[in-house]
Amino acid sequence: MMDLRQAIFQKLQNKNQSELHDIINDSVNNDERTLPGLGVIFELIWEKSDEQTQNHLVSTLENHIPH
């Protein structure tokens, strides 16, 4: 049986940048059922990013959290 991460990775395989952009956009603008998939995507980005990129992501998040 395939777990969530494997299912998301399989969905992302062999996609070009435009297709990946569309997948993310569709997930962001969808209901809460897509949030786990976005979490898997973010986990992959985080794990493959250097410290400078991680710091940039955290700064972007901090600057856009509603107060």
PDB file of N, CA and C in Angstrom:
ATOM      1  N   MET A   1       0.843  -1.183   0.000  1.00  0.00           N
ATOM      2  CA  MET A   1       0.000   0.000   0.000  1.00  0.00           C
ATOM      3  C   MET A   1       0.893   1.253   0.000  1.00  0.00           C
ATOM      4  N   MET A   2       0.537   2.217  -0.794  1.00  0.00           N
ATOM      5  CA  MET A   2       1.317   3.444  -0.950  1.00  0.00           C
ATOM      6  C   MET A   2       0.926   4.447   0.133  1.00  0.00           C
ATOM      7  N   ASP A   3       1.937   5.063   0.773  1.00  0.00           N
ATOM      8  CA  ASP A   3       1.621   6.089   1.757  1.00  0.00           C
ATOM      9  C   ASP A   3       1.459   7.445   1.059  1.00  0.00           C
ATOM     10  N   LEU A   4       1.082   8.452   1.827  1.00  0.00           N
ATOM     11  CA  LEU A   4       0.795   9.770   1.274  1.00  0.00           C
ATOM     12  C   LEU A   4       2.006  10.360   0.552  1.00  0.00           C
ATOM     13  N   ARG A   5       3.177  10.290   1.171  1.00  0.00           N
ATOM     14  CA  ARG A   5       4.374  10.847   0.536  1.00  0.00           C
ATOM     15  C   ARG A   5       4.634  10.188  -0.815  1.00  0.00           C
ATOM     16  N   GLN A   6       4.557   8.875  -0.849  1.00  0.00           N
ATOM     17  CA  GLN A   6       4.795   8.157  -2.098  1.00  0.00           C
ATOM     18  C   GLN A   6       3.775   8.563  -3.161  1.00  0.00           C
ATOM     19  N   ALA A   7       2.524   8.711  -2.769  1.00  0.00           N
ATOM     20  CA  ALA A   7       1.472   9.100  -3.718  1.00  0.00           C
ATOM     21  C   ALA A   7       1.738  10.494  -4.270  1.00  0.00           C
ATOM     22  N   ILE A   8       2.154  11.433  -3.409  1.00  0.00           N
ATOM     23  CA  ILE A   8       2.448  12.799  -3.853  1.00  0.00           C
ATOM     24  C   ILE A   8       3.659  12.792  -4.776  1.00  0.00           C
ATOM     25  N   PHE A   9       4.721  12.083  -4.383  1.00  0.00           N
ATOM     26  CA  PHE A   9       5.920  12.020  -5.216  1.00  0.00           C
ATOM     27  C   PHE A   9       5.595  11.413  -6.577  1.00  0.00           C
ATOM     28  N   GLN A  10       4.753  10.403  -6.608  1.00  0.00           N
ATOM     29  CA  GLN A  10       4.368   9.786  -7.869  1.00  0.00           C
ATOM     30  C   GLN A  10       3.608  10.785  -8.747  1.00  0.00           C
ATOM     31  N   LYS A  11       2.744  11.585  -8.121  1.00  0.00           N
ATOM     32  CA  LYS A  11       1.987  12.587  -8.875  1.00  0.00           C
ATOM     33  C   LYS A  11       2.917  13.658  -9.465  1.00  0.00           C
ATOM     34  N   LEU A  12       4.026  13.949  -8.772  1.00  0.00           N
ATOM     35  CA  LEU A  12       4.942  14.999  -9.208  1.00  0.00           C
ATOM     36  C   LEU A  12       5.977  14.526 -10.225  1.00  0.00           C
ATOM     37  N   GLN A  13       6.183  13.232 -10.307  1.00  0.00           N
ATOM     38  CA  GLN A  13       7.214  12.696 -11.199  1.00  0.00           C
ATOM     39  C   GLN A  13       6.951  13.089 -12.645  1.00  0.00           C
ATOM     40  N   ASN A  14       8.029  13.389 -13.330  1.00  0.00           N
ATOM     41  CA  ASN A  14       8.006  13.681 -14.766  1.00  0.00           C
ATOM     42  C   ASN A  14       7.180  14.914 -15.140  1.00  0.00           C
ATOM     43  N   LYS A  15       6.983  15.810 -14.181  1.00  0.00           N
ATOM     44  CA  LYS A  15       6.268  17.062 -14.465  1.00  0.00           C
ATOM     45  C   LYS A  15       7.288  18.154 -14.741  1.00  0.00           C
ATOM     46  N   ASN A  16       6.964  19.035 -15.678  1.00  0.00           N
ATOM     47  CA  ASN A  16       7.838  20.169 -15.937  1.00  0.00           C
ATOM     48  C   ASN A  16       7.485  21.302 -14.970  1.00  0.00           C
ATOM     49  N   GLN A  17       8.241  22.400 -15.025  1.00  0.00           N
ATOM     50  CA  GLN A  17       8.027  23.505 -14.082  1.00  0.00           C
ATOM     51  C   GLN A  17       6.614  24.067 -14.165  1.00  0.00           C
ATOM     52  N   SER A  18       6.107  24.200 -15.361  1.00  0.00           N
ATOM     53  CA  SER A  18       4.759  24.742 -15.544  1.00  0.00           C
ATOM     54  C   SER A  18       3.716  23.826 -14.906  1.00  0.00           C
ATOM     55  N   GLU A  19       3.864  22.538 -15.101  1.00  0.00           N
ATOM     56  CA  GLU A  19       2.926  21.576 -14.522  1.00  0.00           C
ATOM     57  C   GLU A  19       3.020  21.572 -12.998  1.00  0.00           C
ATOM     58  N   LEU A  20       4.244  21.647 -12.466  1.00  0.00           N
ATOM     59  CA  LEU A  20       4.410  21.695 -11.009  1.00  0.00           C
ATOM     60  C   LEU A  20       3.785  22.966 -10.450  1.00  0.00           C
ATOM     61  N   HIS A  21       3.980  24.077 -11.146  1.00  0.00           N
ATOM     62  CA  HIS A  21       3.381  25.349 -10.736  1.00  0.00           C
ATOM     63  C   HIS A  21       1.863  25.213 -10.683  1.00  0.00           C
ATOM     64  N   ASP A  22       1.280  24.613 -11.694  1.00  0.00           N
ATOM     65  CA  ASP A  22      -0.173  24.427 -11.744  1.00  0.00           C
ATOM     66  C   ASP A  22      -0.670  23.530 -10.618  1.00  0.00           C
ATOM     67  N   ILE A  23       0.067  22.456 -10.329  1.00  0.00           N
ATOM     68  CA  ILE A  23      -0.319  21.555  -9.241  1.00  0.00           C
ATOM     69  C   ILE A  23      -0.340  22.308  -7.919  1.00  0.00           C
ATOM     70  N   ILE A  24       0.701  23.104  -7.661  1.00  0.00           N
ATOM     71  CA  ILE A  24       0.769  23.868  -6.417  1.00  0.00           C
ATOM     72  C   ILE A  24      -0.347  24.901  -6.374  1.00  0.00           C
ATOM     73  N   ASN A  25      -0.531  25.640  -7.455  1.00  0.00           N
ATOM     74  CA  ASN A  25      -1.590  26.653  -7.496  1.00  0.00           C
ATOM     75  C   ASN A  25      -2.963  26.034  -7.256  1.00  0.00           C
ATOM     76  N   ASP A  26      -3.239  24.929  -7.910  1.00  0.00           N
ATOM     77  CA  ASP A  26      -4.526  24.259  -7.732  1.00  0.00           C
ATOM     78  C   ASP A  26      -4.723  23.805  -6.292  1.00  0.00           C
ATOM     79  N   SER A  27      -3.643  23.343  -5.668  1.00  0.00           N
ATOM     80  CA  SER A  27      -3.731  22.882  -4.275  1.00  0.00           C
ATOM     81  C   SER A  27      -3.948  24.037  -3.310  1.00  0.00           C
ATOM     82  N   VAL A  28      -3.253  25.150  -3.549  1.00  0.00           N
ATOM     83  CA  VAL A  28      -3.381  26.314  -2.668  1.00  0.00           C
ATOM     84  C   VAL A  28      -4.799  26.865  -2.716  1.00  0.00           C
ATOM     85  N   ASN A  29      -5.389  26.864  -3.870  1.00  0.00           N
ATOM     86  CA  ASN A  29      -6.716  27.455  -4.041  1.00  0.00           C
ATOM     87  C   ASN A  29      -7.844  26.454  -3.872  1.00  0.00           C
ATOM     88  N   ASN A  30      -7.541  25.312  -3.307  1.00  0.00           N
ATOM     89  CA  ASN A  30      -8.531  24.259  -3.132  1.00  0.00           C
ATOM     90  C   ASN A  30      -8.938  24.162  -1.668  1.00  0.00           C
ATOM     91  N   ASP A  31      -9.722  23.160  -1.356  1.00  0.00           N
ATOM     92  CA  ASP A  31     -10.159  23.002   0.035  1.00  0.00           C
ATOM     93  C   ASP A  31      -9.067  22.341   0.874  1.00  0.00           C
ATOM     94  N   GLU A  32      -9.356  22.114   2.131  1.00  0.00           N
ATOM     95  CA  GLU A  32      -8.348  21.632   3.079  1.00  0.00           C
ATOM     96  C   GLU A  32      -7.835  20.231   2.794  1.00  0.00           C
ATOM     97  N   ARG A  33      -8.497  19.487   1.946  1.00  0.00           N
ATOM     98  CA  ARG A  33      -8.027  18.129   1.640  1.00  0.00           C
ATOM     99  C   ARG A  33      -6.677  18.142   0.935  1.00  0.00           C
ATOM    100  N   THR A  34      -6.314  19.254   0.306  1.00  0.00           N
ATOM    101  CA  THR A  34      -5.029  19.329  -0.402  1.00  0.00           C
ATOM    102  C   THR A  34      -3.874  19.738   0.513  1.00  0.00           C
ATOM    103  N   LEU A  35      -4.166  20.165   1.737  1.00  0.00           N
ATOM    104  CA  LEU A  35      -3.110  20.643   2.635  1.00  0.00           C
ATOM    105  C   LEU A  35      -2.046  19.592   2.946  1.00  0.00           C
ATOM    106  N   PRO A  36      -2.403  18.326   3.160  1.00  0.00           N
ATOM    107  CA  PRO A  36      -1.327  17.344   3.388  1.00  0.00           C
ATOM    108  C   PRO A  36      -0.371  17.236   2.205  1.00  0.00           C
ATOM    109  N   GLY A  37      -0.887  17.328   0.986  1.00  0.00           N
ATOM    110  CA  GLY A  37      -0.021  17.279  -0.190  1.00  0.00           C
ATOM    111  C   GLY A  37       0.918  18.466  -0.247  1.00  0.00           C
ATOM    112  N   LEU A  38       0.403  19.640   0.110  1.00  0.00           N
ATOM    113  CA  LEU A  38       1.260  20.827   0.153  1.00  0.00           C
ATOM    114  C   LEU A  38       2.328  20.669   1.223  1.00  0.00           C
ATOM    115  N   GLY A  39       1.979  20.015   2.310  1.00  0.00           N
ATOM    116  CA  GLY A  39       2.957  19.754   3.369  1.00  0.00           C
ATOM    117  C   GLY A  39       4.089  18.867   2.874  1.00  0.00           C
ATOM    118  N   VAL A  40       3.751  17.855   2.090  1.00  0.00           N
ATOM    119  CA  VAL A  40       4.766  16.962   1.525  1.00  0.00           C
ATOM    120  C   VAL A  40       5.653  17.738   0.550  1.00  0.00           C
ATOM    121  N   ILE A  41       5.042  18.590  -0.269  1.00  0.00           N
ATOM    122  CA  ILE A  41       5.812  19.407  -1.213  1.00  0.00           C
ATOM    123  C   ILE A  41       6.749  20.340  -0.448  1.00  0.00           C
ATOM    124  N   PHE A  42       6.233  20.995   0.599  1.00  0.00           N
ATOM    125  CA  PHE A  42       7.083  21.897   1.377  1.00  0.00           C
ATOM    126  C   PHE A  42       8.215  21.131   2.056  1.00  0.00           C
ATOM    127  N   GLU A  43       7.912  19.953   2.567  1.00  0.00           N
ATOM    128  CA  GLU A  43       8.945  19.130   3.210  1.00  0.00           C
ATOM    129  C   GLU A  43      10.085  18.835   2.233  1.00  0.00           C
ATOM    130  N   LEU A  44       9.744  18.495   1.001  1.00  0.00           N
ATOM    131  CA  LEU A  44      10.752  18.211  -0.008  1.00  0.00           C
ATOM    132  C   LEU A  44      11.587  19.454  -0.312  1.00  0.00           C
ATOM    133  N   ILE A  45      10.909  20.596  -0.487  1.00  0.00           N
ATOM    134  CA  ILE A  45      11.621  21.856  -0.749  1.00  0.00           C
ATOM    135  C   ILE A  45      12.547  22.179   0.420  1.00  0.00           C
ATOM    136  N   TRP A  46      12.045  22.058   1.636  1.00  0.00           N
ATOM    137  CA  TRP A  46      12.823  22.382   2.834  1.00  0.00           C
ATOM    138  C   TRP A  46      14.061  21.506   2.928  1.00  0.00           C
ATOM    139  N   GLU A  47      13.877  20.203   2.750  1.00  0.00           N
ATOM    140  CA  GLU A  47      14.989  19.262   2.892  1.00  0.00           C
ATOM    141  C   GLU A  47      16.062  19.464   1.825  1.00  0.00           C
ATOM    142  N   LYS A  48      15.696  19.948   0.659  1.00  0.00           N
ATOM    143  CA  LYS A  48      16.640  20.107  -0.441  1.00  0.00           C
ATOM    144  C   LYS A  48      17.182  21.533  -0.553  1.00  0.00           C
ATOM    145  N   SER A  49      16.777  22.413   0.368  1.00  0.00           N
ATOM    146  CA  SER A  49      17.216  23.809   0.338  1.00  0.00           C
ATOM    147  C   SER A  49      18.418  24.019   1.251  1.00  0.00           C
ATOM    148  N   ASP A  50      19.272  24.952   0.855  1.00  0.00           N
ATOM    149  CA  ASP A  50      20.388  25.318   1.720  1.00  0.00           C
ATOM    150  C   ASP A  50      19.876  26.248   2.824  1.00  0.00           C
ATOM    151  N   GLU A  51      20.748  26.546   3.773  1.00  0.00           N
ATOM    152  CA  GLU A  51      20.347  27.344   4.931  1.00  0.00           C
ATOM    153  C   GLU A  51      19.859  28.735   4.533  1.00  0.00           C
ATOM    154  N   GLN A  52      20.476  29.339   3.545  1.00  0.00           N
ATOM    155  CA  GLN A  52      20.061  30.668   3.102  1.00  0.00           C
ATOM    156  C   GLN A  52      18.626  30.637   2.548  1.00  0.00           C
ATOM    157  N   THR A  53      18.318  29.634   1.759  1.00  0.00           N
ATOM    158  CA  THR A  53      16.967  29.507   1.209  1.00  0.00           C
ATOM    159  C   THR A  53      15.966  29.225   2.324  1.00  0.00           C
ATOM    160  N   GLN A  54      16.337  28.373   3.274  1.00  0.00           N
ATOM    161  CA  GLN A  54      15.451  28.097   4.408  1.00  0.00           C
ATOM    162  C   GLN A  54      15.174  29.378   5.186  1.00  0.00           C
ATOM    163  N   ASN A  55      16.226  30.169   5.429  1.00  0.00           N
ATOM    164  CA  ASN A  55      16.038  31.432   6.148  1.00  0.00           C
ATOM    165  C   ASN A  55      15.123  32.372   5.372  1.00  0.00           C
ATOM    166  N   HIS A  56      15.260  32.403   4.047  1.00  0.00           N
ATOM    167  CA  HIS A  56      14.388  33.224   3.210  1.00  0.00           C
ATOM    168  C   HIS A  56      12.932  32.751   3.316  1.00  0.00           C
ATOM    169  N   LEU A  57      12.721  31.446   3.292  1.00  0.00           N
ATOM    170  CA  LEU A  57      11.365  30.903   3.423  1.00  0.00           C
ATOM    171  C   LEU A  57      10.750  31.285   4.767  1.00  0.00           C
ATOM    172  N   VAL A  58      11.540  31.152   5.824  1.00  0.00           N
ATOM    173  CA  VAL A  58      11.050  31.496   7.160  1.00  0.00           C
ATOM    174  C   VAL A  58      10.741  32.988   7.251  1.00  0.00           C
ATOM    175  N   SER A  59      11.598  33.817   6.690  1.00  0.00           N
ATOM    176  CA  SER A  59      11.367  35.257   6.693  1.00  0.00           C
ATOM    177  C   SER A  59      10.095  35.607   5.922  1.00  0.00           C
ATOM    178  N   THR A  60       9.913  34.975   4.771  1.00  0.00           N
ATOM    179  CA  THR A  60       8.695  35.213   3.981  1.00  0.00           C
ATOM    180  C   THR A  60       7.466  34.813   4.784  1.00  0.00           C
ATOM    181  N   LEU A  61       7.528  33.672   5.434  1.00  0.00           N
ATOM    182  CA  LEU A  61       6.410  33.215   6.261  1.00  0.00           C
ATOM    183  C   LEU A  61       6.142  34.204   7.389  1.00  0.00           C
ATOM    184  N   GLU A  62       7.187  34.590   8.100  1.00  0.00           N
ATOM    185  CA  GLU A  62       7.025  35.514   9.221  1.00  0.00           C
ATOM    186  C   GLU A  62       6.388  36.827   8.770  1.00  0.00           C
ATOM    187  N   ASN A  63       6.788  37.324   7.613  1.00  0.00           N
ATOM    188  CA  ASN A  63       6.280  38.606   7.115  1.00  0.00           C
ATOM    189  C   ASN A  63       4.858  38.533   6.577  1.00  0.00           C
ATOM    190  N   HIS A  64       4.327  37.334   6.393  1.00  0.00           N
ATOM    191  CA  HIS A  64       3.002  37.217   5.810  1.00  0.00           C
ATOM    192  C   HIS A  64       1.985  36.507   6.693  1.00  0.00           C
ATOM    193  N   ILE A  65       2.364  36.204   7.919  1.00  0.00           N
ATOM    194  CA  ILE A  65       1.408  35.617   8.859  1.00  0.00           C
ATOM    195  C   ILE A  65       0.438  36.712   9.281  1.00  0.00           C
ATOM    196  N   PRO A  66      -0.861  36.465   9.127  1.00  0.00           N
ATOM    197  CA  PRO A  66      -1.832  37.484   9.549  1.00  0.00           C
ATOM    198  C   PRO A  66      -1.727  37.751  11.047  1.00  0.00           C
ATOM    199  N   HIS A  67      -1.817  39.030  11.392  1.00  0.00           N
ATOM    200  CA  HIS A  67      -1.746  39.437  12.812  1.00  0.00           C
ATOM    201  C   HIS A  67      -3.112  39.769  13.317  1.00  0.00           C
TER     202      HIS A  67
END
